[in-house]
Amino acid sequence: MADKQYFFSRETGDKQVILDTDESKHCIRVLRHRKGDHLEVLDGRGNLYYCTLMEANPARAVLMVDLKLKTEPMRSFYLHIAIGPTKHLNRFEIFLEKATEIGIDEITPVISAHSERRNLRTERLEKVLISAMKQSGQGILPLLHPPVGIAQFIRQDPAGVRFIAHCLDPDLPPLAAADIPSTRITILIGPEGGFTTEEVKNAVEHDFREVSLGKSRLRTETAAITAVATLHARMIFKNR
């Protein structure tokens, strides 16, 4: 559980921080902060601002910066999840929330043959990411890309080690035991209907390694959260 209340702002400087309308309303109307209160603000770029509230305006709160610090890195590796958007948006939001709380750097929604959702309102999803970042005290806001076709994503040849998790082969090696020779990791998670054989073949031809997330058939968001948690545990164990 979080024991601190963080705010978020993209409008930051060495002397002043401005909260947007949503953050200002939450700060002034909901939490009842008043002029002179001390607040902590994250900018999503690795900076933490210790501030004093100077203008308690619920539309545009103005804060004076008392101290600016770099946040401590939460992990020593970079994690990119490419995932098929779920049919029900709330399930995709659950993934975003939990993955951000655990720790993730980059998210790309990928559209494949079995995708039941092909459009996303990234503005709404950004709010989910910001909320989860504040709740967990993460210093970096994950980068959320617009949706892209799976073939196009694969052709981008992401840096580092690449995995594709699927259920087409019951004898795949588990992700939990995978050799990870890089600190940059990309993993592909399919939509509700899974990847096609051709999509997996294409990924393998571009150096994606096939892995299993276990014997159970998982929902997309569960598979993605499992992958994030597994890779965290794997990398922590590796670095001991």
C-alpha atoms as a PDB file:
ATOM      1  CA  MET A   1       0.000   0.000   0.000  1.00  0.00           C
ATOM      2  CA  ALA A   2       1.119   3.532  -0.750  1.00  0.00           C
ATOM      3  CA  ASP A   3       1.686   5.736   2.301  1.00  0.00           C
ATOM      4  CA  LYS A   4       2.261   8.963   0.351  1.00  0.00           C
ATOM      5  CA  GLN A   5       0.043  11.132  -1.809  1.00  0.00           C
ATOM      6  CA  TYR A   6       1.809  12.080  -5.024  1.00  0.00           C
ATOM      7  CA  PHE A   7       0.579  14.525  -7.634  1.00  0.00           C
ATOM      8  CA  PHE A   8       1.519  14.567 -11.311  1.00  0.00           C
ATOM      9  CA  SER A   9       2.438  17.452 -13.567  1.00  0.00           C
ATOM     10  CA  ARG A  10       3.892  17.915 -17.037  1.00  0.00           C
ATOM     11  CA  GLU A  11       4.239  21.659 -16.438  1.00  0.00           C
ATOM     12  CA  THR A  12       7.297  21.757 -14.200  1.00  0.00           C
ATOM     13  CA  GLY A  13      10.316  23.987 -13.744  1.00  0.00           C
ATOM     14  CA  ASP A  14      13.089  24.580 -11.256  1.00  0.00           C
ATOM     15  CA  LYS A  15      11.024  27.179  -9.381  1.00  0.00           C
ATOM     16  CA  GLN A  16       7.373  26.458 -10.126  1.00  0.00           C
ATOM     17  CA  VAL A  17       4.988  23.562 -10.817  1.00  0.00           C
ATOM     18  CA  ILE A  18       1.498  23.904 -12.285  1.00  0.00           C
ATOM     19  CA  LEU A  19      -1.131  21.195 -11.786  1.00  0.00           C
ATOM     20  CA  ASP A  20      -3.607  20.629 -14.609  1.00  0.00           C
ATOM     21  CA  THR A  21      -7.365  20.872 -14.055  1.00  0.00           C
ATOM     22  CA  ASP A  22      -7.886  17.249 -12.992  1.00  0.00           C
ATOM     23  CA  GLU A  23      -4.962  17.252 -10.554  1.00  0.00           C
ATOM     24  CA  SER A  24      -5.876  20.706  -9.236  1.00  0.00           C
ATOM     25  CA  LYS A  25      -9.473  19.701  -8.593  1.00  0.00           C
ATOM     26  CA  HIS A  26      -8.358  16.542  -6.792  1.00  0.00           C
ATOM     27  CA  CYS A  27      -5.822  18.488  -4.745  1.00  0.00           C
ATOM     28  CA  ILE A  28      -8.093  21.372  -3.715  1.00  0.00           C
ATOM     29  CA  ARG A  29     -11.644  20.048  -3.831  1.00  0.00           C
ATOM     30  CA  VAL A  30     -11.166  16.391  -2.863  1.00  0.00           C
ATOM     31  CA  LEU A  31      -8.105  16.420  -0.592  1.00  0.00           C
ATOM     32  CA  ARG A  32      -8.816  19.935   0.738  1.00  0.00           C
ATOM     33  CA  HIS A  33      -5.253  21.202   0.463  1.00  0.00           C
ATOM     34  CA  ARG A  34      -4.785  24.887   1.222  1.00  0.00           C
ATOM     35  CA  LYS A  35      -2.148  27.543   0.604  1.00  0.00           C
ATOM     36  CA  GLY A  36       1.041  26.716   2.484  1.00  0.00           C
ATOM     37  CA  ASP A  37       0.539  22.930   2.390  1.00  0.00           C
ATOM     38  CA  HIS A  38       3.554  20.829   1.389  1.00  0.00           C
ATOM     39  CA  LEU A  39       3.023  18.519  -1.610  1.00  0.00           C
ATOM     40  CA  GLU A  40       5.100  16.025  -3.568  1.00  0.00           C
ATOM     41  CA  VAL A  41       4.881  15.996  -7.369  1.00  0.00           C
ATOM     42  CA  LEU A  42       6.144  13.520  -9.978  1.00  0.00           C
ATOM     43  CA  ASP A  43       6.728  14.569 -13.581  1.00  0.00           C
ATOM     44  CA  GLY A  44       6.907  11.055 -15.088  1.00  0.00           C
ATOM     45  CA  ARG A  45      10.464  11.750 -16.285  1.00  0.00           C
ATOM     46  CA  GLY A  46      12.279  10.643 -13.158  1.00  0.00           C
ATOM     47  CA  ASN A  47      12.018  13.846 -11.127  1.00  0.00           C
ATOM     48  CA  LEU A  48      10.380  14.390  -7.741  1.00  0.00           C
ATOM     49  CA  TYR A  49       9.450  17.905  -6.626  1.00  0.00           C
ATOM     50  CA  TYR A  50       8.922  18.890  -3.002  1.00  0.00           C
ATOM     51  CA  CYS A  51       6.609  21.874  -3.220  1.00  0.00           C
ATOM     52  CA  THR A  52       4.583  24.424  -1.274  1.00  0.00           C
ATOM     53  CA  LEU A  53       1.087  25.229  -2.502  1.00  0.00           C
ATOM     54  CA  MET A  54       0.949  28.940  -3.338  1.00  0.00           C
ATOM     55  CA  GLU A  55      -2.324  29.317  -5.266  1.00  0.00           C
ATOM     56  CA  ALA A  56      -5.093  26.909  -4.226  1.00  0.00           C
ATOM     57  CA  ASN A  57      -6.976  27.258  -7.496  1.00  0.00           C
ATOM     58  CA  PRO A  58      -9.075  24.133  -8.295  1.00  0.00           C
ATOM     59  CA  ALA A  59      -8.640  24.831 -12.019  1.00  0.00           C
ATOM     60  CA  ARG A  60      -4.916  25.630 -11.965  1.00  0.00           C
ATOM     61  CA  ALA A  61      -3.029  25.096  -8.722  1.00  0.00           C
ATOM     62  CA  VAL A  62       0.360  26.814  -8.551  1.00  0.00           C
ATOM     63  CA  LEU A  63       3.163  25.336  -6.442  1.00  0.00           C
ATOM     64  CA  MET A  64       6.572  26.724  -5.485  1.00  0.00           C
ATOM     65  CA  VAL A  65       9.440  24.235  -5.790  1.00  0.00           C
ATOM     66  CA  ASP A  66      11.348  23.825  -2.532  1.00  0.00           C
ATOM     67  CA  LEU A  67      13.522  20.923  -3.695  1.00  0.00           C
ATOM     68  CA  LYS A  68      13.906  18.920  -6.908  1.00  0.00           C
ATOM     69  CA  LEU A  69      15.381  15.428  -6.782  1.00  0.00           C
ATOM     70  CA  LYS A  70      15.987  12.554  -9.162  1.00  0.00           C
ATOM     71  CA  THR A  71      13.955   9.508  -8.153  1.00  0.00           C
ATOM     72  CA  GLU A  72      15.806   6.276  -7.456  1.00  0.00           C
ATOM     73  CA  PRO A  73      15.598   3.751 -10.348  1.00  0.00           C
ATOM     74  CA  MET A  74      13.160   0.981  -9.438  1.00  0.00           C
ATOM     75  CA  ARG A  75      14.896  -1.658 -11.575  1.00  0.00           C
ATOM     76  CA  SER A  76      18.015  -2.319 -13.607  1.00  0.00           C
ATOM     77  CA  PHE A  77      16.295  -3.463 -16.818  1.00  0.00           C
ATOM     78  CA  TYR A  78      13.970  -2.064 -19.505  1.00  0.00           C
ATOM     79  CA  LEU A  79      10.688  -3.868 -20.180  1.00  0.00           C
ATOM     80  CA  HIS A  80       8.505  -3.452 -23.269  1.00  0.00           C
ATOM     81  CA  ILE A  81       5.197  -5.319 -23.545  1.00  0.00           C
ATOM     82  CA  ALA A  82       3.469  -5.578 -26.922  1.00  0.00           C
ATOM     83  CA  ILE A  83      -0.075  -6.766 -26.278  1.00  0.00           C
ATOM     84  CA  GLY A  84      -3.298  -7.390 -28.160  1.00  0.00           C
ATOM     85  CA  PRO A  85      -5.988  -4.975 -26.864  1.00  0.00           C
ATOM     86  CA  THR A  86      -8.794  -6.785 -25.060  1.00  0.00           C
ATOM     87  CA  LYS A  87     -12.391  -6.713 -26.299  1.00  0.00           C
ATOM     88  CA  HIS A  88     -13.521  -5.240 -22.979  1.00  0.00           C
ATOM     89  CA  LEU A  89     -11.535  -2.085 -22.330  1.00  0.00           C
ATOM     90  CA  ASN A  90     -11.669  -2.416 -18.536  1.00  0.00           C
ATOM     91  CA  ARG A  91      -9.521  -5.566 -18.785  1.00  0.00           C
ATOM     92  CA  PHE A  92      -6.869  -3.690 -20.738  1.00  0.00           C
ATOM     93  CA  GLU A  93      -6.969  -0.958 -18.108  1.00  0.00           C
ATOM     94  CA  ILE A  94      -6.418  -3.572 -15.394  1.00  0.00           C
ATOM     95  CA  PHE A  95      -3.280  -4.699 -17.229  1.00  0.00           C
ATOM     96  CA  LEU A  96      -2.018  -1.118 -17.544  1.00  0.00           C
ATOM     97  CA  GLU A  97      -2.632  -0.436 -13.863  1.00  0.00           C
ATOM     98  CA  LYS A  98      -1.007  -3.590 -12.516  1.00  0.00           C
ATOM     99  CA  ALA A  99       1.914  -3.573 -14.959  1.00  0.00           C
ATOM    100  CA  THR A 100       2.703   0.040 -14.046  1.00  0.00           C
ATOM    101  CA  GLU A 101       2.559  -0.756 -10.338  1.00  0.00           C
ATOM    102  CA  ILE A 102       4.957  -3.683 -10.801  1.00  0.00           C
ATOM    103  CA  GLY A 103       7.175  -1.777 -13.210  1.00  0.00           C
ATOM    104  CA  ILE A 104       7.124  -1.416 -16.994  1.00  0.00           C
ATOM    105  CA  ASP A 105       8.737   1.028 -19.410  1.00  0.00           C
ATOM    106  CA  GLU A 106       6.942   0.745 -22.723  1.00  0.00           C
ATOM    107  CA  ILE A 107       3.604  -0.593 -24.006  1.00  0.00           C
ATOM    108  CA  THR A 108       2.581  -1.157 -27.613  1.00  0.00           C
ATOM    109  CA  PRO A 109      -0.962  -2.342 -28.449  1.00  0.00           C
ATOM    110  CA  VAL A 110      -0.603  -4.743 -31.403  1.00  0.00           C
ATOM    111  CA  ILE A 111      -3.390  -5.615 -33.820  1.00  0.00           C
ATOM    112  CA  SER A 112      -3.332  -9.186 -35.115  1.00  0.00           C
ATOM    113  CA  ALA A 113      -5.638 -11.549 -37.012  1.00  0.00           C
ATOM    114  CA  HIS A 114      -7.721 -12.506 -33.955  1.00  0.00           C
ATOM    115  CA  SER A 115      -7.940  -9.038 -32.419  1.00  0.00           C
ATOM    116  CA  GLU A 116     -11.483  -8.142 -31.371  1.00  0.00           C
ATOM    117  CA  ARG A 117     -10.590  -4.518 -30.573  1.00  0.00           C
ATOM    118  CA  ARG A 118      -8.668  -2.423 -33.078  1.00  0.00           C
ATOM    119  CA  ASN A 119      -9.086   1.103 -31.717  1.00  0.00           C
ATOM    120  CA  LEU A 120      -8.055   2.626 -28.392  1.00  0.00           C
ATOM    121  CA  ARG A 121      -8.605   6.010 -26.777  1.00  0.00           C
ATOM    122  CA  THR A 122      -5.090   6.612 -25.558  1.00  0.00           C
ATOM    123  CA  GLU A 123      -6.119   9.755 -23.615  1.00  0.00           C
ATOM    124  CA  ARG A 124      -8.213   7.676 -21.222  1.00  0.00           C
ATOM    125  CA  LEU A 125      -5.514   5.034 -20.918  1.00  0.00           C
ATOM    126  CA  GLU A 126      -2.886   7.680 -20.112  1.00  0.00           C
ATOM    127  CA  LYS A 127      -4.950   8.628 -17.052  1.00  0.00           C
ATOM    128  CA  VAL A 128      -4.847   5.004 -15.884  1.00  0.00           C
ATOM    129  CA  LEU A 129      -1.054   4.983 -16.258  1.00  0.00           C
ATOM    130  CA  ILE A 130      -0.667   8.268 -14.380  1.00  0.00           C
ATOM    131  CA  SER A 131      -2.884   7.090 -11.525  1.00  0.00           C
ATOM    132  CA  ALA A 132      -0.943   3.820 -11.188  1.00  0.00           C
ATOM    133  CA  MET A 133       2.390   5.638 -11.355  1.00  0.00           C
ATOM    134  CA  LYS A 134       1.359   7.974  -8.527  1.00  0.00           C
ATOM    135  CA  GLN A 135      -0.080   5.157  -6.420  1.00  0.00           C
ATOM    136  CA  SER A 136       3.084   3.072  -6.668  1.00  0.00           C
ATOM    137  CA  GLY A 137       5.559   5.942  -6.470  1.00  0.00           C
ATOM    138  CA  GLN A 138       7.194   5.049  -9.769  1.00  0.00           C
ATOM    139  CA  GLY A 139       9.290   7.920 -11.087  1.00  0.00           C
ATOM    140  CA  ILE A 140       8.874   7.151 -14.786  1.00  0.00           C
ATOM    141  CA  LEU A 141       5.566   7.184 -16.645  1.00  0.00           C
ATOM    142  CA  PRO A 142       5.407   4.219 -19.058  1.00  0.00           C
ATOM    143  CA  LEU A 143       5.426   5.132 -22.733  1.00  0.00           C
ATOM    144  CA  LEU A 144       2.143   4.124 -24.413  1.00  0.00           C
ATOM    145  CA  HIS A 145       2.295   3.860 -28.211  1.00  0.00           C
ATOM    146  CA  PRO A 146      -0.648   4.033 -30.636  1.00  0.00           C
ATOM    147  CA  PRO A 147      -1.909   0.648 -31.880  1.00  0.00           C
ATOM    148  CA  VAL A 148       0.160  -0.948 -34.647  1.00  0.00           C
ATOM    149  CA  GLY A 149      -0.199  -4.063 -36.796  1.00  0.00           C
ATOM    150  CA  ILE A 150       1.719  -7.077 -35.528  1.00  0.00           C
ATOM    151  CA  ALA A 151       3.719  -7.503 -38.749  1.00  0.00           C
ATOM    152  CA  GLN A 152       4.808  -3.867 -38.599  1.00  0.00           C
ATOM    153  CA  PHE A 153       5.781  -4.206 -34.946  1.00  0.00           C
ATOM    154  CA  ILE A 154       7.833  -7.325 -35.600  1.00  0.00           C
ATOM    155  CA  ARG A 155       9.654  -5.594 -38.462  1.00  0.00           C
ATOM    156  CA  GLN A 156      10.767  -2.849 -36.067  1.00  0.00           C
ATOM    157  CA  ASP A 157      13.242  -5.367 -34.605  1.00  0.00           C
ATOM    158  CA  PRO A 158      13.140  -4.149 -30.973  1.00  0.00           C
ATOM    159  CA  ALA A 159      16.493  -3.950 -29.229  1.00  0.00           C
ATOM    160  CA  GLY A 160      17.557  -6.605 -26.734  1.00  0.00           C
ATOM    161  CA  VAL A 161      16.048 -10.025 -26.132  1.00  0.00           C
ATOM    162  CA  ARG A 162      12.615 -10.750 -27.661  1.00  0.00           C
ATOM    163  CA  PHE A 163       9.954 -13.236 -26.599  1.00  0.00           C
ATOM    164  CA  ILE A 164       6.572 -14.285 -27.933  1.00  0.00           C
ATOM    165  CA  ALA A 165       4.250 -16.122 -25.541  1.00  0.00           C
ATOM    166  CA  HIS A 166       1.612 -18.411 -27.024  1.00  0.00           C
ATOM    167  CA  CYS A 167      -0.289 -21.687 -26.528  1.00  0.00           C
ATOM    168  CA  LEU A 168       0.113 -23.283 -29.969  1.00  0.00           C
ATOM    169  CA  ASP A 169       2.823 -25.660 -28.722  1.00  0.00           C
ATOM    170  CA  PRO A 170       2.310 -27.376 -25.327  1.00  0.00           C
ATOM    171  CA  ASP A 171       6.036 -28.107 -25.016  1.00  0.00           C
ATOM    172  CA  LEU A 172       7.405 -24.573 -25.133  1.00  0.00           C
ATOM    173  CA  PRO A 173      10.054 -23.646 -22.533  1.00  0.00           C
ATOM    174  CA  PRO A 174       8.727 -21.536 -19.639  1.00  0.00           C
ATOM    175  CA  LEU A 175       9.480 -17.832 -19.515  1.00  0.00           C
ATOM    176  CA  ALA A 176      10.441 -18.293 -15.859  1.00  0.00           C
ATOM    177  CA  ALA A 177      13.463 -20.385 -16.904  1.00  0.00           C
ATOM    178  CA  ALA A 178      14.485 -18.373 -19.960  1.00  0.00           C
ATOM    179  CA  ASP A 179      18.042 -17.180 -20.473  1.00  0.00           C
ATOM    180  CA  ILE A 180      17.956 -13.368 -20.629  1.00  0.00           C
ATOM    181  CA  PRO A 181      21.331 -12.071 -21.850  1.00  0.00           C
ATOM    182  CA  SER A 182      20.198  -8.434 -22.156  1.00  0.00           C
ATOM    183  CA  THR A 183      18.785  -5.734 -19.860  1.00  0.00           C
ATOM    184  CA  ARG A 184      16.287  -4.742 -22.584  1.00  0.00           C
ATOM    185  CA  ILE A 185      13.356  -7.128 -22.919  1.00  0.00           C
ATOM    186  CA  THR A 186      10.394  -7.191 -25.305  1.00  0.00           C
ATOM    187  CA  ILE A 187       7.584  -9.718 -25.036  1.00  0.00           C
ATOM    188  CA  LEU A 188       4.591 -10.216 -27.323  1.00  0.00           C
ATOM    189  CA  ILE A 189       1.242 -11.187 -25.752  1.00  0.00           C
ATOM    190  CA  GLY A 190      -1.619 -12.128 -28.050  1.00  0.00           C
ATOM    191  CA  PRO A 191      -5.319 -11.185 -28.083  1.00  0.00           C
ATOM    192  CA  GLU A 192      -8.126 -13.349 -26.671  1.00  0.00           C
ATOM    193  CA  GLY A 193      -7.974 -15.655 -29.697  1.00  0.00           C
ATOM    194  CA  GLY A 194      -4.200 -15.955 -29.540  1.00  0.00           C
ATOM    195  CA  PHE A 195      -1.664 -15.638 -32.330  1.00  0.00           C
ATOM    196  CA  THR A 196      -1.957 -17.475 -35.629  1.00  0.00           C
ATOM    197  CA  THR A 197       0.705 -19.960 -36.704  1.00  0.00           C
ATOM    198  CA  GLU A 198       1.837 -17.521 -39.383  1.00  0.00           C
ATOM    199  CA  GLU A 199       2.209 -14.678 -36.873  1.00  0.00           C
ATOM    200  CA  VAL A 200       4.338 -16.840 -34.597  1.00  0.00           C
ATOM    201  CA  LYS A 201       6.449 -17.988 -37.541  1.00  0.00           C
ATOM    202  CA  ASN A 202       7.011 -14.381 -38.609  1.00  0.00           C
ATOM    203  CA  ALA A 203       8.066 -13.424 -35.083  1.00  0.00           C
ATOM    204  CA  VAL A 204      10.491 -16.348 -34.831  1.00  0.00           C
ATOM    205  CA  GLU A 205      12.058 -15.337 -38.158  1.00  0.00           C
ATOM    206  CA  HIS A 206      12.760 -11.955 -36.553  1.00  0.00           C
ATOM    207  CA  ASP A 207      14.514 -13.537 -33.555  1.00  0.00           C
ATOM    208  CA  PHE A 208      11.578 -13.678 -31.131  1.00  0.00           C
ATOM    209  CA  ARG A 209      11.931 -16.692 -28.840  1.00  0.00           C
ATOM    210  CA  GLU A 210       8.826 -18.774 -28.159  1.00  0.00           C
ATOM    211  CA  VAL A 211       7.915 -19.198 -24.479  1.00  0.00           C
ATOM    212  CA  SER A 212       5.115 -20.481 -22.294  1.00  0.00           C
ATOM    213  CA  LEU A 213       3.492 -18.724 -19.344  1.00  0.00           C
ATOM    214  CA  GLY A 214       2.271 -21.994 -17.837  1.00  0.00           C
ATOM    215  CA  LYS A 215      -0.213 -24.787 -18.476  1.00  0.00           C
ATOM    216  CA  SER A 216      -3.351 -22.719 -17.869  1.00  0.00           C
ATOM    217  CA  ARG A 217      -5.007 -20.828 -20.714  1.00  0.00           C
ATOM    218  CA  LEU A 218      -4.844 -17.259 -19.461  1.00  0.00           C
ATOM    219  CA  ARG A 219      -6.869 -14.217 -20.429  1.00  0.00           C
ATOM    220  CA  THR A 220      -4.840 -11.630 -22.308  1.00  0.00           C
ATOM    221  CA  GLU A 221      -4.544  -9.207 -19.391  1.00  0.00           C
ATOM    222  CA  THR A 222      -3.689 -12.045 -16.981  1.00  0.00           C
ATOM    223  CA  ALA A 223      -1.017 -13.352 -19.349  1.00  0.00           C
ATOM    224  CA  ALA A 224       0.533  -9.895 -19.663  1.00  0.00           C
ATOM    225  CA  ILE A 225       0.550  -9.266 -15.903  1.00  0.00           C
ATOM    226  CA  THR A 226       2.037 -12.740 -15.379  1.00  0.00           C
ATOM    227  CA  ALA A 227       4.754 -11.954 -17.925  1.00  0.00           C
ATOM    228  CA  VAL A 228       5.636  -8.664 -16.197  1.00  0.00           C
ATOM    229  CA  ALA A 229       5.782 -10.309 -12.757  1.00  0.00           C
ATOM    230  CA  THR A 230       7.760 -13.300 -14.067  1.00  0.00           C
ATOM    231  CA  LEU A 231      10.343 -11.118 -15.786  1.00  0.00           C
ATOM    232  CA  HIS A 232      10.739  -8.993 -12.672  1.00  0.00           C
ATOM    233  CA  ALA A 233      11.348 -12.084 -10.548  1.00  0.00           C
ATOM    234  CA  ARG A 234      13.671 -13.543 -13.186  1.00  0.00           C
ATOM    235  CA  MET A 235      15.784 -10.396 -13.478  1.00  0.00           C
ATOM    236  CA  ILE A 236      15.974  -9.832  -9.728  1.00  0.00           C
ATOM    237  CA  PHE A 237      17.161 -13.428  -9.245  1.00  0.00           C
ATOM    238  CA  LYS A 238      19.661 -13.026 -12.102  1.00  0.00           C
ATOM    239  CA  ASN A 239      21.185  -9.881 -10.613  1.00  0.00           C
ATOM    240  CA  ARG A 240      21.717 -11.321  -7.120  1.00  0.00           C
END
